[in-house]
Amino acid sequence: MRYRLMGSYLWLRSSATPVSAGRNMRLWYAPRATLLVNDGDTFDGVSGWDEYVVVDCVIKCRLKGEEDPSIEMALKQALVQRIEAAAENRDEAGPHMVTDVRGVVSDLYVGVGD
């Protein structure tokens, strides 16, 4: 299976020959977080990552109030480490080495994005 991201599109190509219609695939994705601009805006945190947003806001409030945010900054750094550790496994299906995807000639991509 090969994939290619082009703008907001995900193109999939199977390496199975012959390519048959009606194949089942499962796609996992993490949607981009909603921009919070109004007082009533909410967002759905993923895997507890909403805690990062809360801690970041507390740091900014403490700085504005001229208070010491060192405890929250340490907590934020621990959250960053946890998030980065979880992010390492986000593309487990991919190769463990660099792959030349631009060298692949495919009629699937001809004329797309021109």
PDB file of N, CA and C in Angstrom:
ATOM      1  N   MET A   1       0.848  -1.173   0.000  1.00  0.00           N
ATOM      2  CA  MET A   1       0.000   0.000   0.000  1.00  0.00           C
ATOM      3  C   MET A   1       0.894   1.237   0.000  1.00  0.00           C
ATOM      4  N   ARG A   2       0.584   2.162  -0.851  1.00  0.00           N
ATOM      5  CA  ARG A   2       1.300   3.428  -0.891  1.00  0.00           C
ATOM      6  C   ARG A   2       0.286   4.536  -0.642  1.00  0.00           C
ATOM      7  N   TYR A   3       0.779   5.627  -0.102  1.00  0.00           N
ATOM      8  CA  TYR A   3      -0.107   6.763   0.090  1.00  0.00           C
ATOM      9  C   TYR A   3       0.630   8.044  -0.254  1.00  0.00           C
ATOM     10  N   ARG A   4      -0.150   9.076  -0.546  1.00  0.00           N
ATOM     11  CA  ARG A   4       0.407  10.373  -0.880  1.00  0.00           C
ATOM     12  C   ARG A   4      -0.568  11.439  -0.387  1.00  0.00           C
ATOM     13  N   LEU A   5      -0.051  12.414   0.331  1.00  0.00           N
ATOM     14  CA  LEU A   5      -0.864  13.530   0.790  1.00  0.00           C
ATOM     15  C   LEU A   5      -0.701  14.674  -0.188  1.00  0.00           C
ATOM     16  N   MET A   6      -1.813  15.172  -0.694  1.00  0.00           N
ATOM     17  CA  MET A   6      -1.793  16.307  -1.605  1.00  0.00           C
ATOM     18  C   MET A   6      -2.846  17.298  -1.131  1.00  0.00           C
ATOM     19  N   GLY A   7      -2.394  18.372  -0.474  1.00  0.00           N
ATOM     20  CA  GLY A   7      -3.342  19.337   0.081  1.00  0.00           C
ATOM     21  C   GLY A   7      -4.199  18.669   1.138  1.00  0.00           C
ATOM     22  N   SER A   8      -5.498  18.696   0.952  1.00  0.00           N
ATOM     23  CA  SER A   8      -6.393  18.055   1.908  1.00  0.00           C
ATOM     24  C   SER A   8      -6.839  16.677   1.426  1.00  0.00           C
ATOM     25  N   TYR A   9      -6.157  16.131   0.425  1.00  0.00           N
ATOM     26  CA  TYR A   9      -6.530  14.829  -0.125  1.00  0.00           C
ATOM     27  C   TYR A   9      -5.510  13.770   0.258  1.00  0.00           C
ATOM     28  N   LEU A  10      -5.995  12.574   0.493  1.00  0.00           N
ATOM     29  CA  LEU A  10      -5.160  11.405   0.754  1.00  0.00           C
ATOM     30  C   LEU A  10      -5.387  10.433  -0.394  1.00  0.00           C
ATOM     31  N   TRP A  11      -4.345  10.168  -1.159  1.00  0.00           N
ATOM     32  CA  TRP A  11      -4.429   9.234  -2.293  1.00  0.00           C
ATOM     33  C   TRP A  11      -3.836   7.911  -1.851  1.00  0.00           C
ATOM     34  N   LEU A  12      -4.570   6.832  -2.058  1.00  0.00           N
ATOM     35  CA  LEU A  12      -4.120   5.492  -1.702  1.00  0.00           C
ATOM     36  C   LEU A  12      -3.924   4.681  -2.959  1.00  0.00           C
ATOM     37  N   ARG A  13      -2.899   3.858  -2.950  1.00  0.00           N
ATOM     38  CA  ARG A  13      -2.661   2.967  -4.072  1.00  0.00           C
ATOM     39  C   ARG A  13      -2.222   1.625  -3.530  1.00  0.00           C
ATOM     40  N   SER A  14      -2.867   0.608  -3.985  1.00  0.00           N
ATOM     41  CA  SER A  14      -2.549  -0.742  -3.537  1.00  0.00           C
ATOM     42  C   SER A  14      -1.444  -1.310  -4.415  1.00  0.00           C
ATOM     43  N   SER A  15      -0.584  -2.087  -3.813  1.00  0.00           N
ATOM     44  CA  SER A  15       0.451  -2.761  -4.592  1.00  0.00           C
ATOM     45  C   SER A  15      -0.030  -4.123  -5.080  1.00  0.00           C
ATOM     46  N   ALA A  16      -1.265  -4.477  -4.719  1.00  0.00           N
ATOM     47  CA  ALA A  16      -1.821  -5.767  -5.148  1.00  0.00           C
ATOM     48  C   ALA A  16      -2.115  -5.729  -6.647  1.00  0.00           C
ATOM     49  N   THR A  17      -1.793  -6.804  -7.317  1.00  0.00           N
ATOM     50  CA  THR A  17      -2.068  -6.912  -8.753  1.00  0.00           C
ATOM     51  C   THR A  17      -2.926  -8.143  -8.968  1.00  0.00           C
ATOM     52  N   PRO A  18      -4.016  -8.103  -9.648  1.00  0.00           N
ATOM     53  CA  PRO A  18      -4.628  -6.893 -10.208  1.00  0.00           C
ATOM     54  C   PRO A  18      -5.356  -6.116  -9.116  1.00  0.00           C
ATOM     55  N   VAL A  19      -5.527  -4.824  -9.350  1.00  0.00           N
ATOM     56  CA  VAL A  19      -6.258  -3.985  -8.404  1.00  0.00           C
ATOM     57  C   VAL A  19      -7.735  -4.316  -8.535  1.00  0.00           C
ATOM     58  N   SER A  20      -8.344  -4.660  -7.426  1.00  0.00           N
ATOM     59  CA  SER A  20      -9.756  -5.039  -7.462  1.00  0.00           C
ATOM     60  C   SER A  20     -10.596  -3.998  -6.728  1.00  0.00           C
ATOM     61  N   ALA A  21     -11.807  -3.828  -7.197  1.00  0.00           N
ATOM     62  CA  ALA A  21     -12.712  -2.884  -6.551  1.00  0.00           C
ATOM     63  C   ALA A  21     -13.298  -3.514  -5.300  1.00  0.00           C
ATOM     64  N   GLY A  22     -13.826  -2.690  -4.434  1.00  0.00           N
ATOM     65  CA  GLY A  22     -14.510  -3.194  -3.254  1.00  0.00           C
ATOM     66  C   GLY A  22     -13.596  -3.668  -2.148  1.00  0.00           C
ATOM     67  N   ARG A  23     -12.384  -3.150  -2.092  1.00  0.00           N
ATOM     68  CA  ARG A  23     -11.470  -3.537  -1.010  1.00  0.00           C
ATOM     69  C   ARG A  23     -11.824  -2.799   0.260  1.00  0.00           C
ATOM     70  N   ASN A  24     -11.648  -3.446   1.387  1.00  0.00           N
ATOM     71  CA  ASN A  24     -11.879  -2.816   2.683  1.00  0.00           C
ATOM     72  C   ASN A  24     -10.569  -2.270   3.210  1.00  0.00           C
ATOM     73  N   MET A  25     -10.617  -1.042   3.713  1.00  0.00           N
ATOM     74  CA  MET A  25      -9.443  -0.421   4.310  1.00  0.00           C
ATOM     75  C   MET A  25      -9.874   0.254   5.600  1.00  0.00           C
ATOM     76  N   ARG A  26      -8.943   0.386   6.519  1.00  0.00           N
ATOM     77  CA  ARG A  26      -9.213   1.104   7.761  1.00  0.00           C
ATOM     78  C   ARG A  26      -8.239   2.276   7.821  1.00  0.00           C
ATOM     79  N   LEU A  27      -8.772   3.436   8.112  1.00  0.00           N
ATOM     80  CA  LEU A  27      -7.967   4.652   8.159  1.00  0.00           C
ATOM     81  C   LEU A  27      -8.107   5.291   9.531  1.00  0.00           C
ATOM     82  N   TRP A  28      -6.991   5.503  10.192  1.00  0.00           N
ATOM     83  CA  TRP A  28      -6.976   6.228  11.454  1.00  0.00           C
ATOM     84  C   TRP A  28      -6.365   7.586  11.171  1.00  0.00           C
ATOM     85  N   TYR A  29      -6.945   8.625  11.733  1.00  0.00           N
ATOM     86  CA  TYR A  29      -6.372   9.949  11.570  1.00  0.00           C
ATOM     87  C   TYR A  29      -6.674  10.782  12.799  1.00  0.00           C
ATOM     88  N   ALA A  30      -5.876  11.808  12.987  1.00  0.00           N
ATOM     89  CA  ALA A  30      -6.109  12.751  14.077  1.00  0.00           C
ATOM     90  C   ALA A  30      -6.495  14.075  13.443  1.00  0.00           C
ATOM     91  N   PRO A  31      -7.744  14.487  13.605  1.00  0.00           N
ATOM     92  CA  PRO A  31      -8.165  15.754  13.003  1.00  0.00           C
ATOM     93  C   PRO A  31      -7.450  16.936  13.648  1.00  0.00           C
ATOM     94  N   ARG A  32      -7.278  17.985  12.877  1.00  0.00           N
ATOM     95  CA  ARG A  32      -6.637  19.199  13.372  1.00  0.00           C
ATOM     96  C   ARG A  32      -7.524  19.817  14.448  1.00  0.00           C
ATOM     97  N   ALA A  33      -6.899  20.337  15.485  1.00  0.00           N
ATOM     98  CA  ALA A  33      -7.655  20.937  16.584  1.00  0.00           C
ATOM     99  C   ALA A  33      -8.404  22.179  16.099  1.00  0.00           C
ATOM    100  N   THR A  34      -9.575  22.374  16.655  1.00  0.00           N
ATOM    101  CA  THR A  34     -10.388  23.534  16.326  1.00  0.00           C
ATOM    102  C   THR A  34      -9.772  24.791  16.918  1.00  0.00           C
ATOM    103  N   LEU A  35      -9.758  25.878  16.151  1.00  0.00           N
ATOM    104  CA  LEU A  35      -9.273  27.148  16.680  1.00  0.00           C
ATOM    105  C   LEU A  35     -10.290  27.684  17.689  1.00  0.00           C
ATOM    106  N   LEU A  36      -9.799  28.071  18.828  1.00  0.00           N
ATOM    107  CA  LEU A  36     -10.664  28.600  19.874  1.00  0.00           C
ATOM    108  C   LEU A  36     -10.605  30.119  19.811  1.00  0.00           C
ATOM    109  N   VAL A  37     -11.690  30.751  19.350  1.00  0.00           N
ATOM    110  CA  VAL A  37     -11.693  32.197  19.198  1.00  0.00           C
ATOM    111  C   VAL A  37     -12.774  32.876  20.036  1.00  0.00           C
ATOM    112  N   ASN A  38     -13.854  32.188  20.334  1.00  0.00           N
ATOM    113  CA  ASN A  38     -14.938  32.762  21.129  1.00  0.00           C
ATOM    114  C   ASN A  38     -14.936  32.163  22.534  1.00  0.00           C
ATOM    115  N   ASP A  39     -15.517  32.884  23.470  1.00  0.00           N
ATOM    116  CA  ASP A  39     -15.538  32.421  24.863  1.00  0.00           C
ATOM    117  C   ASP A  39     -16.212  31.062  25.024  1.00  0.00           C
ATOM    118  N   GLY A  40     -17.212  30.759  24.215  1.00  0.00           N
ATOM    119  CA  GLY A  40     -17.948  29.505  24.338  1.00  0.00           C
ATOM    120  C   GLY A  40     -17.375  28.357  23.524  1.00  0.00           C
ATOM    121  N   ASP A  41     -16.261  28.570  22.808  1.00  0.00           N
ATOM    122  CA  ASP A  41     -15.674  27.519  21.976  1.00  0.00           C
ATOM    123  C   ASP A  41     -15.120  26.387  22.834  1.00  0.00           C
ATOM    124  N   THR A  42     -15.268  25.168  22.354  1.00  0.00           N
ATOM    125  CA  THR A  42     -14.742  23.989  23.047  1.00  0.00           C
ATOM    126  C   THR A  42     -13.985  23.123  22.044  1.00  0.00           C
ATOM    127  N   PHE A  43     -13.213  22.204  22.566  1.00  0.00           N
ATOM    128  CA  PHE A  43     -12.553  21.223  21.712  1.00  0.00           C
ATOM    129  C   PHE A  43     -12.514  19.888  22.422  1.00  0.00           C
ATOM    130  N   ASP A  44     -12.362  18.836  21.627  1.00  0.00           N
ATOM    131  CA  ASP A  44     -12.321  17.487  22.162  1.00  0.00           C
ATOM    132  C   ASP A  44     -10.853  17.067  22.248  1.00  0.00           C
ATOM    133  N   GLY A  45     -10.348  16.913  23.450  1.00  0.00           N
ATOM    134  CA  GLY A  45      -8.958  16.511  23.630  1.00  0.00           C
ATOM    135  C   GLY A  45      -8.746  15.071  23.210  1.00  0.00           C
ATOM    136  N   VAL A  46      -7.554  14.768  22.735  1.00  0.00           N
ATOM    137  CA  VAL A  46      -7.212  13.422  22.301  1.00  0.00           C
ATOM    138  C   VAL A  46      -6.174  12.862  23.264  1.00  0.00           C
ATOM    139  N   SER A  47      -6.461  11.719  23.838  1.00  0.00           N
ATOM    140  CA  SER A  47      -5.531  11.012  24.735  1.00  0.00           C
ATOM    141  C   SER A  47      -5.042  11.890  25.885  1.00  0.00           C
ATOM    142  N   GLY A  48      -5.877  12.787  26.349  1.00  0.00           N
ATOM    143  CA  GLY A  48      -5.472  13.650  27.456  1.00  0.00           C
ATOM    144  C   GLY A  48      -4.588  14.804  27.048  1.00  0.00           C
ATOM    145  N   TRP A  49      -4.430  15.047  25.755  1.00  0.00           N
ATOM    146  CA  TRP A  49      -3.544  16.121  25.303  1.00  0.00           C
ATOM    147  C   TRP A  49      -4.159  17.489  25.543  1.00  0.00           C
ATOM    148  N   ASP A  50      -5.433  17.543  25.899  1.00  0.00           N
ATOM    149  CA  ASP A  50      -6.052  18.816  26.236  1.00  0.00           C
ATOM    150  C   ASP A  50      -5.421  19.401  27.503  1.00  0.00           C
ATOM    151  N   GLU A  51      -4.808  18.548  28.306  1.00  0.00           N
ATOM    152  CA  GLU A  51      -4.109  19.013  29.505  1.00  0.00           C
ATOM    153  C   GLU A  51      -2.962  19.955  29.129  1.00  0.00           C
ATOM    154  N   TYR A  52      -2.323  19.719  27.997  1.00  0.00           N
ATOM    155  CA  TYR A  52      -1.252  20.591  27.516  1.00  0.00           C
ATOM    156  C   TYR A  52      -1.774  22.009  27.294  1.00  0.00           C
ATOM    157  N   VAL A  53      -2.960  22.115  26.685  1.00  0.00           N
ATOM    158  CA  VAL A  53      -3.560  23.422  26.415  1.00  0.00           C
ATOM    159  C   VAL A  53      -3.870  24.136  27.725  1.00  0.00           C
ATOM    160  N   VAL A  54      -4.420  23.412  28.688  1.00  0.00           N
ATOM    161  CA  VAL A  54      -4.767  24.008  29.981  1.00  0.00           C
ATOM    162  C   VAL A  54      -3.515  24.511  30.681  1.00  0.00           C
ATOM    163  N   VAL A  55      -2.462  23.694  30.719  1.00  0.00           N
ATOM    164  CA  VAL A  55      -1.224  24.085  31.400  1.00  0.00           C
ATOM    165  C   VAL A  55      -0.600  25.300  30.708  1.00  0.00           C
ATOM    166  N   ASP A  56      -0.635  25.331  29.397  1.00  0.00           N
ATOM    167  CA  ASP A  56      -0.088  26.470  28.659  1.00  0.00           C
ATOM    168  C   ASP A  56      -0.856  27.750  29.000  1.00  0.00           C
ATOM    169  N   CYS A  57      -2.179  27.662  29.101  1.00  0.00           N
ATOM    170  CA  CYS A  57      -2.996  28.826  29.471  1.00  0.00           C
ATOM    171  C   CYS A  57      -2.688  29.289  30.891  1.00  0.00           C
ATOM    172  N   VAL A  58      -2.495  28.336  31.805  1.00  0.00           N
ATOM    173  CA  VAL A  58      -2.175  28.692  33.189  1.00  0.00           C
ATOM    174  C   VAL A  58      -0.827  29.426  33.236  1.00  0.00           C
ATOM    175  N   ILE A  59       0.147  28.958  32.465  1.00  0.00           N
ATOM    176  CA  ILE A  59       1.455  29.629  32.418  1.00  0.00           C
ATOM    177  C   ILE A  59       1.284  31.075  31.957  1.00  0.00           C
ATOM    178  N   LYS A  60       0.509  31.273  30.897  1.00  0.00           N
ATOM    179  CA  LYS A  60       0.307  32.621  30.371  1.00  0.00           C
ATOM    180  C   LYS A  60      -0.423  33.509  31.376  1.00  0.00           C
ATOM    181  N   CYS A  61      -1.388  32.951  32.093  1.00  0.00           N
ATOM    182  CA  CYS A  61      -2.108  33.723  33.119  1.00  0.00           C
ATOM    183  C   CYS A  61      -1.179  34.107  34.264  1.00  0.00           C
ATOM    184  N   ARG A  62      -0.346  33.158  34.695  1.00  0.00           N
ATOM    185  CA  ARG A  62       0.593  33.455  35.781  1.00  0.00           C
ATOM    186  C   ARG A  62       1.591  34.531  35.361  1.00  0.00           C
ATOM    187  N   LEU A  63       2.075  34.458  34.118  1.00  0.00           N
ATOM    188  CA  LEU A  63       3.009  35.479  33.645  1.00  0.00           C
ATOM    189  C   LEU A  63       2.338  36.854  33.594  1.00  0.00           C
ATOM    190  N   LYS A  64       1.105  36.879  33.142  1.00  0.00           N
ATOM    191  CA  LYS A  64       0.381  38.150  33.076  1.00  0.00           C
ATOM    192  C   LYS A  64       0.144  38.723  34.471  1.00  0.00           C
ATOM    193  N   GLY A  65      -0.095  37.844  35.435  1.00  0.00           N
ATOM    194  CA  GLY A  65      -0.287  38.274  36.821  1.00  0.00           C
ATOM    195  C   GLY A  65       1.019  38.442  37.574  1.00  0.00           C
ATOM    196  N   GLU A  66       2.137  38.354  36.863  1.00  0.00           N
ATOM    197  CA  GLU A  66       3.481  38.492  37.436  1.00  0.00           C
ATOM    198  C   GLU A  66       3.725  37.503  38.576  1.00  0.00           C
ATOM    199  N   GLU A  67       3.232  36.254  38.360  1.00  0.00           N
ATOM    200  CA  GLU A  67       3.444  35.175  39.322  1.00  0.00           C
ATOM    201  C   GLU A  67       4.462  34.188  38.742  1.00  0.00           C
ATOM    202  N   ASP A  68       4.975  33.301  39.605  1.00  0.00           N
ATOM    203  CA  ASP A  68       5.978  32.321  39.185  1.00  0.00           C
ATOM    204  C   ASP A  68       5.302  31.099  38.551  1.00  0.00           C
ATOM    205  N   PRO A  69       5.552  30.861  37.237  1.00  0.00           N
ATOM    206  CA  PRO A  69       4.942  29.707  36.570  1.00  0.00           C
ATOM    207  C   PRO A  69       5.862  28.489  36.503  1.00  0.00           C
ATOM    208  N   SER A  70       6.900  28.413  37.330  1.00  0.00           N
ATOM    209  CA  SER A  70       7.910  27.365  37.190  1.00  0.00           C
ATOM    210  C   SER A  70       7.327  25.958  37.362  1.00  0.00           C
ATOM    211  N   ILE A  71       6.380  25.787  38.268  1.00  0.00           N
ATOM    212  CA  ILE A  71       5.782  24.454  38.460  1.00  0.00           C
ATOM    213  C   ILE A  71       5.026  24.038  37.203  1.00  0.00           C
ATOM    214  N   GLU A  72       4.244  24.951  36.657  1.00  0.00           N
ATOM    215  CA  GLU A  72       3.491  24.639  35.434  1.00  0.00           C
ATOM    216  C   GLU A  72       4.417  24.434  34.243  1.00  0.00           C
ATOM    217  N   MET A  73       5.523  25.166  34.195  1.00  0.00           N
ATOM    218  CA  MET A  73       6.473  24.989  33.088  1.00  0.00           C
ATOM    219  C   MET A  73       7.119  23.597  33.144  1.00  0.00           C
ATOM    220  N   ALA A  74       7.408  23.115  34.344  1.00  0.00           N
ATOM    221  CA  ALA A  74       7.950  21.759  34.490  1.00  0.00           C
ATOM    222  C   ALA A  74       6.909  20.727  34.072  1.00  0.00           C
ATOM    223  N   LEU A  75       5.659  20.957  34.464  1.00  0.00           N
ATOM    224  CA  LEU A  75       4.575  20.056  34.066  1.00  0.00           C
ATOM    225  C   LEU A  75       4.396  20.065  32.540  1.00  0.00           C
ATOM    226  N   LYS A  76       4.480  21.248  31.946  1.00  0.00           N
ATOM    227  CA  LYS A  76       4.350  21.359  30.486  1.00  0.00           C
ATOM    228  C   LYS A  76       5.464  20.586  29.781  1.00  0.00           C
ATOM    229  N   GLN A  77       6.685  20.675  30.296  1.00  0.00           N
ATOM    230  CA  GLN A  77       7.798  19.942  29.688  1.00  0.00           C
ATOM    231  C   GLN A  77       7.575  18.433  29.782  1.00  0.00           C
ATOM    232  N   ALA A  78       7.038  17.969  30.892  1.00  0.00           N
ATOM    233  CA  ALA A  78       6.731  16.546  31.028  1.00  0.00           C
ATOM    234  C   ALA A  78       5.644  16.133  30.035  1.00  0.00           C
ATOM    235  N   LEU A  79       4.659  17.003  29.831  1.00  0.00           N
ATOM    236  CA  LEU A  79       3.612  16.711  28.848  1.00  0.00           C
ATOM    237  C   LEU A  79       4.171  16.665  27.432  1.00  0.00           C
ATOM    238  N   VAL A  80       5.086  17.578  27.112  1.00  0.00           N
ATOM    239  CA  VAL A  80       5.720  17.582  25.787  1.00  0.00           C
ATOM    240  C   VAL A  80       6.455  16.268  25.556  1.00  0.00           C
ATOM    241  N   GLN A  81       7.184  15.808  26.550  1.00  0.00           N
ATOM    242  CA  GLN A  81       7.913  14.541  26.424  1.00  0.00           C
ATOM    243  C   GLN A  81       6.952  13.379  26.205  1.00  0.00           C
ATOM    244  N   ARG A  82       5.832  13.371  26.929  1.00  0.00           N
ATOM    245  CA  ARG A  82       4.844  12.300  26.754  1.00  0.00           C
ATOM    246  C   ARG A  82       4.230  12.334  25.359  1.00  0.00           C
ATOM    247  N   ILE A  83       3.905  13.527  24.881  1.00  0.00           N
ATOM    248  CA  ILE A  83       3.306  13.661  23.548  1.00  0.00           C
ATOM    249  C   ILE A  83       4.299  13.250  22.467  1.00  0.00           C
ATOM    250  N   GLU A  84       5.544  13.680  22.587  1.00  0.00           N
ATOM    251  CA  GLU A  84       6.566  13.316  21.593  1.00  0.00           C
ATOM    252  C   GLU A  84       6.825  11.813  21.593  1.00  0.00           C
ATOM    253  N   ALA A  85       6.802  11.195  22.754  1.00  0.00           N
ATOM    254  CA  ALA A  85       7.008   9.738  22.825  1.00  0.00           C
ATOM    255  C   ALA A  85       5.857   9.004  22.139  1.00  0.00           C
ATOM    256  N   ALA A  86       4.639   9.507  22.312  1.00  0.00           N
ATOM    257  CA  ALA A  86       3.483   8.885  21.657  1.00  0.00           C
ATOM    258  C   ALA A  86       3.493   9.134  20.159  1.00  0.00           C
ATOM    259  N   ALA A  87       4.031  10.273  19.731  1.00  0.00           N
ATOM    260  CA  ALA A  87       4.036  10.629  18.309  1.00  0.00           C
ATOM    261  C   ALA A  87       4.991   9.761  17.499  1.00  0.00           C
ATOM    262  N   GLU A  88       5.973   9.137  18.129  1.00  0.00           N
ATOM    263  CA  GLU A  88       6.934   8.300  17.408  1.00  0.00           C
ATOM    264  C   GLU A  88       6.255   7.137  16.706  1.00  0.00           C
ATOM    265  N   ASN A  89       5.130   6.658  17.220  1.00  0.00           N
ATOM    266  CA  ASN A  89       4.470   5.479  16.670  1.00  0.00           C
ATOM    267  C   ASN A  89       3.265   5.822  15.805  1.00  0.00           C
ATOM    268  N   ARG A  90       3.160   7.059  15.331  1.00  0.00           N
ATOM    269  CA  ARG A  90       1.968   7.465  14.593  1.00  0.00           C
ATOM    270  C   ARG A  90       1.922   6.904  13.184  1.00  0.00           C
ATOM    271  N   ASP A  91       3.050   6.544  12.593  1.00  0.00           N
ATOM    272  CA  ASP A  91       3.049   5.978  11.245  1.00  0.00           C
ATOM    273  C   ASP A  91       3.761   4.632  11.280  1.00  0.00           C
ATOM    274  N   GLU A  92       3.226   3.709  12.065  1.00  0.00           N
ATOM    275  CA  GLU A  92       3.874   2.420  12.246  1.00  0.00           C
ATOM    276  C   GLU A  92       3.923   1.592  10.976  1.00  0.00           C
ATOM    277  N   ALA A  93       3.004   1.857  10.038  1.00  0.00           N
ATOM    278  CA  ALA A  93       2.975   1.064   8.812  1.00  0.00           C
ATOM    279  C   ALA A  93       4.078   1.480   7.853  1.00  0.00           C
ATOM    280  N   GLY A  94       4.673   2.642   8.071  1.00  0.00           N
ATOM    281  CA  GLY A  94       5.701   3.146   7.171  1.00  0.00           C
ATOM    282  C   GLY A  94       7.017   2.419   7.355  1.00  0.00           C
ATOM    283  N   PRO A  95       7.909   2.572   6.411  1.00  0.00           N
ATOM    284  CA  PRO A  95       9.222   1.927   6.512  1.00  0.00           C
ATOM    285  C   PRO A  95      10.084   2.604   7.574  1.00  0.00           C
ATOM    286  N   HIS A  96      11.067   1.886   8.048  1.00  0.00           N
ATOM    287  CA  HIS A  96      11.991   2.425   9.033  1.00  0.00           C
ATOM    288  C   HIS A  96      13.173   3.105   8.365  1.00  0.00           C
ATOM    289  N   MET A  97      12.991   3.474   7.111  1.00  0.00           N
ATOM    290  CA  MET A  97      14.045   4.160   6.369  1.00  0.00           C
ATOM    291  C   MET A  97      13.389   5.116   5.390  1.00  0.00           C
ATOM    292  N   VAL A  98      14.172   5.998   4.815  1.00  0.00           N
ATOM    293  CA  VAL A  98      13.660   6.945   3.832  1.00  0.00           C
ATOM    294  C   VAL A  98      13.280   6.195   2.566  1.00  0.00           C
ATOM    295  N   THR A  99      12.127   6.523   2.010  1.00  0.00           N
ATOM    296  CA  THR A  99      11.645   5.883   0.792  1.00  0.00           C
ATOM    297  C   THR A  99      11.453   6.941  -0.277  1.00  0.00           C
ATOM    298  N   ASP A 100      11.918   6.664  -1.483  1.00  0.00           N
ATOM    299  CA  ASP A 100      11.756   7.576  -2.606  1.00  0.00           C
ATOM    300  C   ASP A 100      10.368   7.381  -3.195  1.00  0.00           C
ATOM    301  N   VAL A 101       9.427   8.271  -2.821  1.00  0.00           N
ATOM    302  CA  VAL A 101       8.076   8.153  -3.359  1.00  0.00           C
ATOM    303  C   VAL A 101       7.893   9.000  -4.607  1.00  0.00           C
ATOM    304  N   ARG A 102       8.766   9.953  -4.830  1.00  0.00           N
ATOM    305  CA  ARG A 102       8.657  10.789  -6.022  1.00  0.00           C
ATOM    306  C   ARG A 102       9.124  10.058  -7.267  1.00  0.00           C
ATOM    307  N   GLY A 103       9.959   9.046  -7.113  1.00  0.00           N
ATOM    308  CA  GLY A 103      10.452   8.298  -8.252  1.00  0.00           C
ATOM    309  C   GLY A 103       9.457   7.275  -8.765  1.00  0.00           C
ATOM    310  N   VAL A 104       8.379   7.084  -8.026  1.00  0.00           N
ATOM    311  CA  VAL A 104       7.376   6.096  -8.405  1.00  0.00           C
ATOM    312  C   VAL A 104       6.500   6.691  -9.499  1.00  0.00           C
ATOM    313  N   VAL A 105       6.430   6.021 -10.633  1.00  0.00           N
ATOM    314  CA  VAL A 105       5.573   6.475 -11.719  1.00  0.00           C
ATOM    315  C   VAL A 105       4.239   5.775 -11.560  1.00  0.00           C
ATOM    316  N   SER A 106       3.195   6.568 -11.518  1.00  0.00           N
ATOM    317  CA  SER A 106       1.881   5.995 -11.276  1.00  0.00           C
ATOM    318  C   SER A 106       0.827   6.786 -12.021  1.00  0.00           C
ATOM    319  N   ASP A 107      -0.040   6.074 -12.728  1.00  0.00           N
ATOM    320  CA  ASP A 107      -1.120   6.756 -13.435  1.00  0.00           C
ATOM    321  C   ASP A 107      -2.129   7.342 -12.457  1.00  0.00           C
ATOM    322  N   LEU A 108      -2.079   6.930 -11.184  1.00  0.00           N
ATOM    323  CA  LEU A 108      -2.989   7.456 -10.187  1.00  0.00           C
ATOM    324  C   LEU A 108      -2.761   8.946  -9.945  1.00  0.00           C
ATOM    325  N   TYR A 109      -1.508   9.377 -10.076  1.00  0.00           N
ATOM    326  CA  TYR A 109      -1.152  10.748  -9.753  1.00  0.00           C
ATOM    327  C   TYR A 109      -1.025  11.643 -10.986  1.00  0.00           C
ATOM    328  N   VAL A 110      -1.139  11.112 -12.175  1.00  0.00           N
ATOM    329  CA  VAL A 110      -0.956  11.898 -13.384  1.00  0.00           C
ATOM    330  C   VAL A 110      -2.040  12.959 -13.473  1.00  0.00           C
ATOM    331  N   GLY A 111      -1.629  14.204 -13.627  1.00  0.00           N
ATOM    332  CA  GLY A 111      -2.566  15.296 -13.778  1.00  0.00           C
ATOM    333  C   GLY A 111      -3.175  15.797 -12.495  1.00  0.00           C
ATOM    334  N   VAL A 112      -2.884  15.157 -11.366  1.00  0.00           N
ATOM    335  CA  VAL A 112      -3.444  15.581 -10.086  1.00  0.00           C
ATOM    336  C   VAL A 112      -2.568  16.683  -9.516  1.00  0.00           C
ATOM    337  N   GLY A 113      -3.184  17.774  -9.139  1.00  0.00           N
ATOM    338  CA  GLY A 113      -2.455  18.864  -8.523  1.00  0.00           C
ATOM    339  C   GLY A 113      -1.746  19.766  -9.498  1.00  0.00           C
ATOM    340  N   ASP A 114      -1.965  19.575 -10.805  1.00  0.00           N
ATOM    341  CA  ASP A 114      -1.319  20.448 -11.794  1.00  0.00           C
ATOM    342  C   ASP A 114      -2.012  21.777 -11.865  1.00  0.00           C
TER     343      ASP A 114
END
